[in-house]
PDB file of N, CA and C in Angstrom:
ATOM      1  N   MET A   1      -0.463 -10.613 -18.700  1.00  0.00           N
ATOM      2  CA  MET A   1      -1.561  -9.678 -18.517  1.00  0.00           C
ATOM      3  C   MET A   1      -0.993  -8.291 -18.249  1.00  0.00           C
ATOM      4  N   GLU A   2      -1.543  -7.330 -18.900  1.00  0.00           N
ATOM      5  CA  GLU A   2      -1.077  -5.961 -18.695  1.00  0.00           C
ATOM      6  C   GLU A   2      -1.573  -5.414 -17.359  1.00  0.00           C
ATOM      7  N   GLU A   3      -0.838  -4.420 -16.861  1.00  0.00           N
ATOM      8  CA  GLU A   3      -1.202  -3.828 -15.575  1.00  0.00           C
ATOM      9  C   GLU A   3      -2.622  -3.283 -15.572  1.00  0.00           C
ATOM     10  N   THR A   4      -3.032  -2.658 -16.686  1.00  0.00           N
ATOM     11  CA  THR A   4      -4.374  -2.071 -16.703  1.00  0.00           C
ATOM     12  C   THR A   4      -5.453  -3.141 -16.590  1.00  0.00           C
ATOM     13  N   ASP A   5      -5.236  -4.304 -17.201  1.00  0.00           N
ATOM     14  CA  ASP A   5      -6.193  -5.401 -17.059  1.00  0.00           C
ATOM     15  C   ASP A   5      -6.227  -5.902 -15.621  1.00  0.00           C
ATOM     16  N   ALA A   6      -5.062  -6.022 -15.026  1.00  0.00           N
ATOM     17  CA  ALA A   6      -4.978  -6.479 -13.644  1.00  0.00           C
ATOM     18  C   ALA A   6      -5.618  -5.468 -12.696  1.00  0.00           C
ATOM     19  N   ILE A   7      -5.429  -4.186 -12.969  1.00  0.00           N
ATOM     20  CA  ILE A   7      -6.065  -3.142 -12.146  1.00  0.00           C
ATOM     21  C   ILE A   7      -7.578  -3.269 -12.231  1.00  0.00           C
ATOM     22  N   GLU A   8      -8.092  -3.546 -13.410  1.00  0.00           N
ATOM     23  CA  GLU A   8      -9.542  -3.705 -13.581  1.00  0.00           C
ATOM     24  C   GLU A   8     -10.062  -4.894 -12.781  1.00  0.00           C
ATOM     25  N   ILE A   9      -9.300  -5.964 -12.743  1.00  0.00           N
ATOM     26  CA  ILE A   9      -9.693  -7.125 -11.939  1.00  0.00           C
ATOM     27  C   ILE A   9      -9.732  -6.752 -10.458  1.00  0.00           C
ATOM     28  N   CYS A  10      -8.740  -5.995 -10.008  1.00  0.00           N
ATOM     29  CA  CYS A  10      -8.728  -5.514  -8.622  1.00  0.00           C
ATOM     30  C   CYS A  10      -9.928  -4.619  -8.351  1.00  0.00           C
ATOM     31  N   ASN A  11     -10.249  -3.744  -9.302  1.00  0.00           N
ATOM     32  CA  ASN A  11     -11.408  -2.855  -9.140  1.00  0.00           C
ATOM     33  C   ASN A  11     -12.676  -3.665  -8.911  1.00  0.00           C
ATOM     34  N   LYS A  12     -12.851  -4.729  -9.697  1.00  0.00           N
ATOM     35  CA  LYS A  12     -14.045  -5.575  -9.558  1.00  0.00           C
ATOM     36  C   LYS A  12     -14.069  -6.259  -8.198  1.00  0.00           C
ATOM     37  N   ALA A  13     -12.923  -6.772  -7.772  1.00  0.00           N
ATOM     38  CA  ALA A  13     -12.859  -7.438  -6.466  1.00  0.00           C
ATOM     39  C   ALA A  13     -13.176  -6.463  -5.337  1.00  0.00           C
ATOM     40  N   ILE A  14     -12.672  -5.239  -5.441  1.00  0.00           N
ATOM     41  CA  ILE A  14     -12.927  -4.225  -4.416  1.00  0.00           C
ATOM     42  C   ILE A  14     -14.398  -3.815  -4.413  1.00  0.00           C
ATOM     43  N   SER A  15     -15.017  -3.790  -5.592  1.00  0.00           N
ATOM     44  CA  SER A  15     -16.442  -3.428  -5.645  1.00  0.00           C
ATOM     45  C   SER A  15     -17.296  -4.491  -4.952  1.00  0.00           C
ATOM     46  N   VAL A  16     -16.848  -5.737  -4.985  1.00  0.00           N
ATOM     47  CA  VAL A  16     -17.562  -6.817  -4.309  1.00  0.00           C
ATOM     48  C   VAL A  16     -17.308  -6.767  -2.804  1.00  0.00           C
ATOM     49  N   ASN A  17     -16.054  -6.506  -2.430  1.00  0.00           N
ATOM     50  CA  ASN A  17     -15.682  -6.445  -1.014  1.00  0.00           C
ATOM     51  C   ASN A  17     -14.760  -5.251  -0.788  1.00  0.00           C
ATOM     52  N   PRO A  18     -15.323  -4.112  -0.400  1.00  0.00           N
ATOM     53  CA  PRO A  18     -14.505  -2.904  -0.226  1.00  0.00           C
ATOM     54  C   PRO A  18     -13.559  -2.947   0.979  1.00  0.00           C
ATOM     55  N   PHE A  19     -13.528  -4.058   1.698  1.00  0.00           N
ATOM     56  CA  PHE A  19     -12.622  -4.196   2.842  1.00  0.00           C
ATOM     57  C   PHE A  19     -11.515  -5.216   2.563  1.00  0.00           C
ATOM     58  N   ASN A  20     -11.294  -5.509   1.292  1.00  0.00           N
ATOM     59  CA  ASN A  20     -10.310  -6.506   0.893  1.00  0.00           C
ATOM     60  C   ASN A  20      -8.925  -5.864   0.812  1.00  0.00           C
ATOM     61  N   VAL A  21      -8.190  -5.977   1.885  1.00  0.00           N
ATOM     62  CA  VAL A  21      -6.864  -5.356   1.993  1.00  0.00           C
ATOM     63  C   VAL A  21      -5.937  -5.835   0.883  1.00  0.00           C
ATOM     64  N   LEU A  22      -5.963  -7.110   0.603  1.00  0.00           N
ATOM     65  CA  LEU A  22      -5.069  -7.671  -0.403  1.00  0.00           C
ATOM     66  C   LEU A  22      -5.285  -7.042  -1.779  1.00  0.00           C
ATOM     67  N   GLU A  23      -6.533  -6.784  -2.145  1.00  0.00           N
ATOM     68  CA  GLU A  23      -6.810  -6.191  -3.456  1.00  0.00           C
ATOM     69  C   GLU A  23      -6.336  -4.739  -3.528  1.00  0.00           C
ATOM     70  N   TYR A  24      -6.485  -3.989  -2.435  1.00  0.00           N
ATOM     71  CA  TYR A  24      -5.947  -2.618  -2.416  1.00  0.00           C
ATOM     72  C   TYR A  24      -4.426  -2.649  -2.546  1.00  0.00           C
ATOM     73  N   LYS A  25      -3.805  -3.616  -1.864  1.00  0.00           N
ATOM     74  CA  LYS A  25      -2.352  -3.746  -1.924  1.00  0.00           C
ATOM     75  C   LYS A  25      -1.908  -4.089  -3.350  1.00  0.00           C
ATOM     76  N   LYS A  26      -2.576  -5.073  -3.955  1.00  0.00           N
ATOM     77  CA  LYS A  26      -2.232  -5.456  -5.329  1.00  0.00           C
ATOM     78  C   LYS A  26      -2.422  -4.286  -6.288  1.00  0.00           C
ATOM     79  N   ARG A  27      -3.565  -3.608  -6.160  1.00  0.00           N
ATOM     80  CA  ARG A  27      -3.842  -2.491  -7.066  1.00  0.00           C
ATOM     81  C   ARG A  27      -2.845  -1.361  -6.860  1.00  0.00           C
ATOM     82  N   GLY A  28      -2.478  -1.102  -5.611  1.00  0.00           N
ATOM     83  CA  GLY A  28      -1.479  -0.081  -5.340  1.00  0.00           C
ATOM     84  C   GLY A  28      -0.137  -0.414  -5.968  1.00  0.00           C
ATOM     85  N   THR A  29       0.256  -1.663  -5.876  1.00  0.00           N
ATOM     86  CA  THR A  29       1.517  -2.103  -6.487  1.00  0.00           C
ATOM     87  C   THR A  29       1.463  -1.958  -8.001  1.00  0.00           C
ATOM     88  N   LEU A  30       0.366  -2.358  -8.597  1.00  0.00           N
ATOM     89  CA  LEU A  30       0.211  -2.230 -10.052  1.00  0.00           C
ATOM     90  C   LEU A  30       0.266  -0.771 -10.487  1.00  0.00           C
ATOM     91  N   LYS A  31      -0.395   0.095  -9.745  1.00  0.00           N
ATOM     92  CA  LYS A  31      -0.375   1.524 -10.085  1.00  0.00           C
ATOM     93  C   LYS A  31       1.031   2.098  -9.945  1.00  0.00           C
ATOM     94  N   ALA A  32       1.738   1.687  -8.909  1.00  0.00           N
ATOM     95  CA  ALA A  32       3.128   2.146  -8.744  1.00  0.00           C
ATOM     96  C   ALA A  32       3.991   1.653  -9.903  1.00  0.00           C
ATOM     97  N   ASP A  33       3.762   0.435 -10.344  1.00  0.00           N
ATOM     98  CA  ASP A  33       4.531  -0.132 -11.449  1.00  0.00           C
ATOM     99  C   ASP A  33       4.396   0.667 -12.737  1.00  0.00           C
ATOM    100  N   ILE A  34       3.244   1.315 -12.912  1.00  0.00           N
ATOM    101  CA  ILE A  34       3.046   2.119 -14.125  1.00  0.00           C
ATOM    102  C   ILE A  34       3.314   3.605 -13.872  1.00  0.00           C
ATOM    103  N   GLY A  35       3.837   3.909 -12.681  1.00  0.00           N
ATOM    104  CA  GLY A  35       4.218   5.285 -12.374  1.00  0.00           C
ATOM    105  C   GLY A  35       3.109   6.163 -11.837  1.00  0.00           C
ATOM    106  N   ASN A  36       1.977   5.584 -11.497  1.00  0.00           N
ATOM    107  CA  ASN A  36       0.866   6.346 -10.942  1.00  0.00           C
ATOM    108  C   ASN A  36       0.992   6.320  -9.414  1.00  0.00           C
ATOM    109  N   TYR A  37       1.998   7.039  -8.926  1.00  0.00           N
ATOM    110  CA  TYR A  37       2.361   6.972  -7.518  1.00  0.00           C
ATOM    111  C   TYR A  37       1.312   7.546  -6.580  1.00  0.00           C
ATOM    112  N   ILE A  38       0.681   8.635  -6.960  1.00  0.00           N
ATOM    113  CA  ILE A  38      -0.328   9.249  -6.081  1.00  0.00           C
ATOM    114  C   ILE A  38      -1.484   8.292  -5.851  1.00  0.00           C
ATOM    115  N   GLU A  39      -1.963   7.663  -6.914  1.00  0.00           N
ATOM    116  CA  GLU A  39      -3.063   6.703  -6.781  1.00  0.00           C
ATOM    117  C   GLU A  39      -2.610   5.462  -6.025  1.00  0.00           C
ATOM    118  N   ALA A  40      -1.364   5.063  -6.216  1.00  0.00           N
ATOM    119  CA  ALA A  40      -0.824   3.916  -5.487  1.00  0.00           C
ATOM    120  C   ALA A  40      -0.816   4.210  -3.988  1.00  0.00           C
ATOM    121  N   ILE A  41      -0.398   5.397  -3.628  1.00  0.00           N
ATOM    122  CA  ILE A  41      -0.381   5.790  -2.213  1.00  0.00           C
ATOM    123  C   ILE A  41      -1.792   5.774  -1.643  1.00  0.00           C
ATOM    124  N   LYS A  42      -2.760   6.223  -2.420  1.00  0.00           N
ATOM    125  CA  LYS A  42      -4.164   6.196  -1.954  1.00  0.00           C
ATOM    126  C   LYS A  42      -4.615   4.767  -1.668  1.00  0.00           C
ATOM    127  N   ASP A  43      -4.244   3.830  -2.553  1.00  0.00           N
ATOM    128  CA  ASP A  43      -4.630   2.438  -2.326  1.00  0.00           C
ATOM    129  C   ASP A  43      -3.950   1.870  -1.087  1.00  0.00           C
ATOM    130  N   TYR A  44      -2.671   2.142  -0.912  1.00  0.00           N
ATOM    131  CA  TYR A  44      -1.987   1.665   0.290  1.00  0.00           C
ATOM    132  C   TYR A  44      -2.561   2.323   1.541  1.00  0.00           C
ATOM    133  N   SER A  45      -2.926   3.591   1.450  1.00  0.00           N
ATOM    134  CA  SER A  45      -3.522   4.277   2.600  1.00  0.00           C
ATOM    135  C   SER A  45      -4.858   3.646   2.971  1.00  0.00           C
ATOM    136  N   LYS A  46      -5.642   3.268   1.973  1.00  0.00           N
ATOM    137  CA  LYS A  46      -6.924   2.603   2.244  1.00  0.00           C
ATOM    138  C   LYS A  46      -6.682   1.244   2.889  1.00  0.00           C
ATOM    139  N   ALA A  47      -5.700   0.502   2.387  1.00  0.00           N
ATOM    140  CA  ALA A  47      -5.371  -0.796   2.989  1.00  0.00           C
ATOM    141  C   ALA A  47      -4.946  -0.621   4.444  1.00  0.00           C
ATOM    142  N   ILE A  48      -4.158   0.417   4.708  1.00  0.00           N
ATOM    143  CA  ILE A  48      -3.708   0.701   6.075  1.00  0.00           C
ATOM    144  C   ILE A  48      -4.888   1.101   6.956  1.00  0.00           C
ATOM    145  N   GLU A  49      -5.811   1.848   6.401  1.00  0.00           N
ATOM    146  CA  GLU A  49      -7.007   2.237   7.153  1.00  0.00           C
ATOM    147  C   GLU A  49      -7.775   0.988   7.599  1.00  0.00           C
ATOM    148  N   ILE A  50      -7.847  -0.006   6.729  1.00  0.00           N
ATOM    149  CA  ILE A  50      -8.568  -1.235   7.029  1.00  0.00           C
ATOM    150  C   ILE A  50      -7.776  -2.125   7.990  1.00  0.00           C
ATOM    151  N   TYR A  51      -6.465  -2.213   7.760  1.00  0.00           N
ATOM    152  CA  TYR A  51      -5.632  -3.095   8.587  1.00  0.00           C
ATOM    153  C   TYR A  51      -4.329  -2.388   8.967  1.00  0.00           C
ATOM    154  N   PRO A  52      -4.386  -1.565  10.005  1.00  0.00           N
ATOM    155  CA  PRO A  52      -3.224  -0.733  10.369  1.00  0.00           C
ATOM    156  C   PRO A  52      -2.085  -1.468  11.071  1.00  0.00           C
ATOM    157  N   LYS A  53      -2.191  -2.777  11.260  1.00  0.00           N
ATOM    158  CA  LYS A  53      -1.128  -3.522  11.945  1.00  0.00           C
ATOM    159  C   LYS A  53      -0.167  -4.202  10.978  1.00  0.00           C
ATOM    160  N   ASP A  54      -0.315  -3.965   9.685  1.00  0.00           N
ATOM    161  CA  ASP A  54       0.523  -4.624   8.679  1.00  0.00           C
ATOM    162  C   ASP A  54       1.731  -3.748   8.361  1.00  0.00           C
ATOM    163  N   ALA A  55       2.885  -4.130   8.896  1.00  0.00           N
ATOM    164  CA  ALA A  55       4.111  -3.363   8.683  1.00  0.00           C
ATOM    165  C   ALA A  55       4.468  -3.279   7.203  1.00  0.00           C
ATOM    166  N   GLY A  56       4.198  -4.337   6.451  1.00  0.00           N
ATOM    167  CA  GLY A  56       4.521  -4.359   5.029  1.00  0.00           C
ATOM    168  C   GLY A  56       3.795  -3.289   4.238  1.00  0.00           C
ATOM    169  N   LEU A  57       2.572  -2.983   4.631  1.00  0.00           N
ATOM    170  CA  LEU A  57       1.821  -1.922   3.959  1.00  0.00           C
ATOM    171  C   LEU A  57       2.503  -0.574   4.160  1.00  0.00           C
ATOM    172  N   PHE A  58       2.934  -0.310   5.377  1.00  0.00           N
ATOM    173  CA  PHE A  58       3.625   0.952   5.652  1.00  0.00           C
ATOM    174  C   PHE A  58       4.948   1.025   4.901  1.00  0.00           C
ATOM    175  N   PHE A  59       5.684  -0.092   4.880  1.00  0.00           N
ATOM    176  CA  PHE A  59       6.967  -0.109   4.185  1.00  0.00           C
ATOM    177  C   PHE A  59       6.775   0.141   2.687  1.00  0.00           C
ATOM    178  N   SER A  60       5.791  -0.525   2.099  1.00  0.00           N
ATOM    179  CA  SER A  60       5.543  -0.345   0.662  1.00  0.00           C
ATOM    180  C   SER A  60       5.107   1.078   0.344  1.00  0.00           C
ATOM    181  N   ARG A  61       4.226   1.626   1.184  1.00  0.00           N
ATOM    182  CA  ARG A  61       3.794   3.008   0.949  1.00  0.00           C
ATOM    183  C   ARG A  61       4.973   3.965   1.092  1.00  0.00           C
ATOM    184  N   GLY A  62       5.833   3.715   2.061  1.00  0.00           N
ATOM    185  CA  GLY A  62       7.022   4.547   2.230  1.00  0.00           C
ATOM    186  C   GLY A  62       7.918   4.495   1.007  1.00  0.00           C
ATOM    187  N   THR A  63       8.077   3.320   0.449  1.00  0.00           N
ATOM    188  CA  THR A  63       8.894   3.165  -0.757  1.00  0.00           C
ATOM    189  C   THR A  63       8.322   3.975  -1.916  1.00  0.00           C
ATOM    190  N   ILE A  64       7.022   3.955  -2.051  1.00  0.00           N
ATOM    191  CA  ILE A  64       6.377   4.738  -3.111  1.00  0.00           C
ATOM    192  C   ILE A  64       6.548   6.232  -2.848  1.00  0.00           C
ATOM    193  N   LYS A  65       6.458   6.633  -1.591  1.00  0.00           N
ATOM    194  CA  LYS A  65       6.637   8.047  -1.253  1.00  0.00           C
ATOM    195  C   LYS A  65       8.037   8.540  -1.622  1.00  0.00           C
ATOM    196  N   VAL A  66       9.029   7.674  -1.523  1.00  0.00           N
ATOM    197  CA  VAL A  66      10.377   8.049  -1.939  1.00  0.00           C
ATOM    198  C   VAL A  66      10.370   8.444  -3.420  1.00  0.00           C
ATOM    199  N   ASN A  67       9.596   7.721  -4.215  1.00  0.00           N
ATOM    200  CA  ASN A  67       9.534   8.003  -5.653  1.00  0.00           C
ATOM    201  C   ASN A  67       8.967   9.382  -5.978  1.00  0.00           C
ATOM    202  N   ILE A  68       8.132   9.908  -5.082  1.00  0.00           N
ATOM    203  CA  ILE A  68       7.599  11.258  -5.319  1.00  0.00           C
ATOM    204  C   ILE A  68       8.334  12.293  -4.473  1.00  0.00           C
ATOM    205  N   GLU A  69       9.437  11.861  -3.893  1.00  0.00           N
ATOM    206  CA  GLU A  69      10.309  12.711  -3.087  1.00  0.00           C
ATOM    207  C   GLU A  69       9.641  13.248  -1.829  1.00  0.00           C
ATOM    208  N   ASP A  70       8.686  12.480  -1.289  1.00  0.00           N
ATOM    209  CA  ASP A  70       8.092  12.799   0.006  1.00  0.00           C
ATOM    210  C   ASP A  70       8.924  12.079   1.066  1.00  0.00           C
ATOM    211  N   ILE A  71      10.096  12.614   1.301  1.00  0.00           N
ATOM    212  CA  ILE A  71      11.057  11.955   2.181  1.00  0.00           C
ATOM    213  C   ILE A  71      10.549  11.913   3.620  1.00  0.00           C
ATOM    214  N   GLN A  72       9.955  12.992   4.087  1.00  0.00           N
ATOM    215  CA  GLN A  72       9.434  12.999   5.457  1.00  0.00           C
ATOM    216  C   GLN A  72       8.323  11.970   5.614  1.00  0.00           C
ATOM    217  N   GLY A  73       7.410  11.903   4.644  1.00  0.00           N
ATOM    218  CA  GLY A  73       6.343  10.910   4.696  1.00  0.00           C
ATOM    219  C   GLY A  73       6.885   9.492   4.643  1.00  0.00           C
ATOM    220  N   ALA A  74       7.911   9.292   3.836  1.00  0.00           N
ATOM    221  CA  ALA A  74       8.544   7.971   3.743  1.00  0.00           C
ATOM    222  C   ALA A  74       9.179   7.594   5.076  1.00  0.00           C
ATOM    223  N   LYS A  75       9.878   8.543   5.705  1.00  0.00           N
ATOM    224  CA  LYS A  75      10.510   8.272   7.006  1.00  0.00           C
ATOM    225  C   LYS A  75       9.463   7.854   8.034  1.00  0.00           C
ATOM    226  N   GLU A  76       8.335   8.556   8.045  1.00  0.00           N
ATOM    227  CA  GLU A  76       7.270   8.231   8.998  1.00  0.00           C
ATOM    228  C   GLU A  76       6.726   6.825   8.757  1.00  0.00           C
ATOM    229  N   ASP A  77       6.525   6.477   7.479  1.00  0.00           N
ATOM    230  CA  ASP A  77       6.032   5.138   7.169  1.00  0.00           C
ATOM    231  C   ASP A  77       7.050   4.069   7.530  1.00  0.00           C
ATOM    232  N   PHE A  78       8.336   4.308   7.229  1.00  0.00           N
ATOM    233  CA  PHE A  78       9.370   3.338   7.573  1.00  0.00           C
ATOM    234  C   PHE A  78       9.475   3.166   9.089  1.00  0.00           C
ATOM    235  N   LYS A  79       9.346   4.270   9.814  1.00  0.00           N
ATOM    236  CA  LYS A  79       9.397   4.209  11.281  1.00  0.00           C
ATOM    237  C   LYS A  79       8.225   3.388  11.817  1.00  0.00           C
ATOM    238  N   THR A  80       7.038   3.629  11.290  1.00  0.00           N
ATOM    239  CA  THR A  80       5.864   2.865  11.726  1.00  0.00           C
ATOM    240  C   THR A  80       6.040   1.389  11.405  1.00  0.00           C
ATOM    241  N   ALA A  81       6.566   1.090  10.214  1.00  0.00           N
ATOM    242  CA  ALA A  81       6.811  -0.310   9.842  1.00  0.00           C
ATOM    243  C   ALA A  81       7.773  -0.964  10.819  1.00  0.00           C
ATOM    244  N   ALA A  82       8.828  -0.254  11.182  1.00  0.00           N
ATOM    245  CA  ALA A  82       9.806  -0.802  12.127  1.00  0.00           C
ATOM    246  C   ALA A  82       9.181  -1.061  13.489  1.00  0.00           C
ATOM    247  N   ILE A  83       8.386  -0.118  13.964  1.00  0.00           N
ATOM    248  CA  ILE A  83       7.716  -0.274  15.261  1.00  0.00           C
ATOM    249  C   ILE A  83       6.770  -1.477  15.234  1.00  0.00           C
ATOM    250  N   LEU A  84       6.007  -1.602  14.164  1.00  0.00           N
ATOM    251  CA  LEU A  84       5.102  -2.738  14.042  1.00  0.00           C
ATOM    252  C   LEU A  84       5.857  -4.061  13.998  1.00  0.00           C
ATOM    253  N   ASN A  85       6.976  -4.069  13.294  1.00  0.00           N
ATOM    254  CA  ASN A  85       7.778  -5.302  13.242  1.00  0.00           C
ATOM    255  C   ASN A  85       8.331  -5.657  14.618  1.00  0.00           C
ATOM    256  N   LEU A  86       8.797  -4.652  15.344  1.00  0.00           N
ATOM    257  CA  LEU A  86       9.325  -4.912  16.684  1.00  0.00           C
ATOM    258  C   LEU A  86       8.231  -5.393  17.634  1.00  0.00           C
ATOM    259  N   SER A  87       7.058  -4.799  17.531  1.00  0.00           N
ATOM    260  CA  SER A  87       5.973  -5.227  18.422  1.00  0.00           C
ATOM    261  C   SER A  87       5.509  -6.639  18.076  1.00  0.00           C
ATOM    262  N   ALA A  88       5.625  -7.036  16.817  1.00  0.00           N
ATOM    263  CA  ALA A  88       5.266  -8.396  16.416  1.00  0.00           C
ATOM    264  C   ALA A  88       6.234  -9.407  17.018  1.00  0.00           C
ATOM    265  N   ILE A  89       7.484  -9.003  17.162  1.00  0.00           N
ATOM    266  CA  ILE A  89       8.494  -9.884  17.755  1.00  0.00           C
ATOM    267  C   ILE A  89       8.191 -10.111  19.237  1.00  0.00           C
ATOM    268  N   ASP A  90       7.700  -9.055  19.907  1.00  0.00           N
ATOM    269  CA  ASP A  90       7.420  -9.130  21.334  1.00  0.00           C
ATOM    270  C   ASP A  90       6.175  -9.979  21.649  1.00  0.00           C
ATOM    271  N   GLU A  91       5.320 -10.171  20.666  1.00  0.00           N
ATOM    272  CA  GLU A  91       4.065 -10.885  20.927  1.00  0.00           C
ATOM    273  C   GLU A  91       4.255 -12.359  21.091  1.00  0.00           C
TER     274      GLU A  91
END
């Protein structure tokens, strides 16, 4: 299946449930895969807005930010991911 078809499936799932973190994450990954980094960051940001305790979301968004040379933004996301991972260990 091509990325654009998969993105359309994610769009439909999000239209049914706009709080579906997994679909935003999948769609963000698909958009990053085709080089649409700005839109990918928007999807990861929406997923983070819905579920801000997921370190993986911050790490993935940081990785995408590296691709657009937003090094400061990437550092902030990586730092947040690390903090979340450490706090998960303490729980």
